Amino acid sequence: MATPYDDPAPPELPVWALEQAADDLGAGADPEEVSARAWELARDADERADERHDEYDDPDSGGEA
């Protein structure tokens, strides 16, 4: 039988992403839209960080061998 403890807690939305999303969408925006936009911003930032890291690890691009 599944318990509430079986599923990991969802990651917390970064405050910076919420602030950026609220600025992007303007005052009076639907909170669900702000949250969705914030998750999008956070995912994009994670992808950029991963790409930067991969760049330094790729020997063909001058990274580590």
C-alpha atoms as a PDB file:
ATOM      1  CA  MET A   1       0.000   0.000   0.000  1.00  0.00           C
ATOM      2  CA  ALA A   2       1.366   3.397  -0.950  1.00  0.00           C
ATOM      3  CA  THR A   3       1.962   6.005   1.707  1.00  0.00           C
ATOM      4  CA  PRO A   4       2.398   9.760   1.363  1.00  0.00           C
ATOM      5  CA  TYR A   5       6.075   9.208   2.136  1.00  0.00           C
ATOM      6  CA  ASP A   6       6.625   7.065  -0.979  1.00  0.00           C
ATOM      7  CA  ASP A   7       6.623  10.053  -3.335  1.00  0.00           C
ATOM      8  CA  PRO A   8       9.492  12.494  -3.010  1.00  0.00           C
ATOM      9  CA  ALA A   9       8.563  16.057  -2.179  1.00  0.00           C
ATOM     10  CA  PRO A  10       8.432  18.306  -5.233  1.00  0.00           C
ATOM     11  CA  PRO A  11      11.343  20.698  -5.531  1.00  0.00           C
ATOM     12  CA  GLU A  12      10.804  24.154  -4.122  1.00  0.00           C
ATOM     13  CA  LEU A  13      10.328  26.929  -6.637  1.00  0.00           C
ATOM     14  CA  PRO A  14      13.210  29.433  -6.456  1.00  0.00           C
ATOM     15  CA  VAL A  15      12.220  32.860  -5.144  1.00  0.00           C
ATOM     16  CA  TRP A  16      14.161  34.589  -7.929  1.00  0.00           C
ATOM     17  CA  ALA A  17      12.090  32.721 -10.522  1.00  0.00           C
ATOM     18  CA  LEU A  18       8.816  33.766  -8.885  1.00  0.00           C
ATOM     19  CA  GLU A  19       9.950  37.386  -8.776  1.00  0.00           C
ATOM     20  CA  GLN A  20      11.063  37.305 -12.418  1.00  0.00           C
ATOM     21  CA  ALA A  21       7.810  35.669 -13.527  1.00  0.00           C
ATOM     22  CA  ALA A  22       5.740  38.236 -11.623  1.00  0.00           C
ATOM     23  CA  ASP A  23       7.728  41.043 -13.284  1.00  0.00           C
ATOM     24  CA  ASP A  24       7.361  39.430 -16.716  1.00  0.00           C
ATOM     25  CA  LEU A  25       3.599  38.969 -16.428  1.00  0.00           C
ATOM     26  CA  GLY A  26       2.802  42.219 -14.640  1.00  0.00           C
ATOM     27  CA  ALA A  27       0.515  43.146 -11.796  1.00  0.00           C
ATOM     28  CA  GLY A  28      -2.770  41.308 -11.559  1.00  0.00           C
ATOM     29  CA  ALA A  29      -1.515  38.168 -13.332  1.00  0.00           C
ATOM     30  CA  ASP A  30      -3.140  34.863 -12.448  1.00  0.00           C
ATOM     31  CA  PRO A  31      -1.047  33.137  -9.714  1.00  0.00           C
ATOM     32  CA  GLU A  32      -1.143  29.856 -11.646  1.00  0.00           C
ATOM     33  CA  GLU A  33       0.322  31.597 -14.711  1.00  0.00           C
ATOM     34  CA  VAL A  34       3.020  33.190 -12.558  1.00  0.00           C
ATOM     35  CA  SER A  35       3.890  29.802 -11.072  1.00  0.00           C
ATOM     36  CA  ALA A  36       4.003  28.120 -14.487  1.00  0.00           C
ATOM     37  CA  ARG A  37       6.227  30.882 -15.878  1.00  0.00           C
ATOM     38  CA  ALA A  38       8.488  30.641 -12.811  1.00  0.00           C
ATOM     39  CA  TRP A  39       8.948  26.890 -13.309  1.00  0.00           C
ATOM     40  CA  GLU A  40       9.780  27.537 -16.964  1.00  0.00           C
ATOM     41  CA  LEU A  41      12.416  30.116 -15.972  1.00  0.00           C
ATOM     42  CA  ALA A  42      13.915  27.777 -13.370  1.00  0.00           C
ATOM     43  CA  ARG A  43      14.114  24.873 -15.848  1.00  0.00           C
ATOM     44  CA  ASP A  44      15.742  27.113 -18.461  1.00  0.00           C
ATOM     45  CA  ALA A  45      18.326  28.282 -15.925  1.00  0.00           C
ATOM     46  CA  ASP A  46      19.103  24.670 -14.950  1.00  0.00           C
ATOM     47  CA  GLU A  47      19.537  23.705 -18.610  1.00  0.00           C
ATOM     48  CA  ARG A  48      21.911  26.629 -19.208  1.00  0.00           C
ATOM     49  CA  ALA A  49      23.949  25.651 -16.151  1.00  0.00           C
ATOM     50  CA  ASP A  50      24.148  22.041 -17.370  1.00  0.00           C
ATOM     51  CA  GLU A  51      25.230  23.157 -20.850  1.00  0.00           C
ATOM     52  CA  ARG A  52      27.940  25.387 -19.391  1.00  0.00           C
ATOM     53  CA  HIS A  53      29.182  22.497 -17.271  1.00  0.00           C
ATOM     54  CA  ASP A  54      29.182  20.135 -20.266  1.00  0.00           C
ATOM     55  CA  GLU A  55      31.175  22.674 -22.295  1.00  0.00           C
ATOM     56  CA  TYR A  56      34.028  22.464 -19.806  1.00  0.00           C
ATOM     57  CA  ASP A  57      33.967  18.657 -19.713  1.00  0.00           C
ATOM     58  CA  ASP A  58      34.034  18.158 -23.503  1.00  0.00           C
ATOM     59  CA  PRO A  59      37.618  17.479 -24.674  1.00  0.00           C
ATOM     60  CA  ASP A  60      36.677  18.465 -28.236  1.00  0.00           C
ATOM     61  CA  SER A  61      35.749  21.924 -26.992  1.00  0.00           C
ATOM     62  CA  GLY A  62      38.899  22.393 -24.962  1.00  0.00           C
ATOM     63  CA  GLY A  63      37.493  20.865 -21.784  1.00  0.00           C
ATOM     64  CA  GLU A  64      38.840  18.120 -19.577  1.00  0.00           C
ATOM     65  CA  ALA A  65      40.087  14.940 -21.223  1.00  0.00           C
END
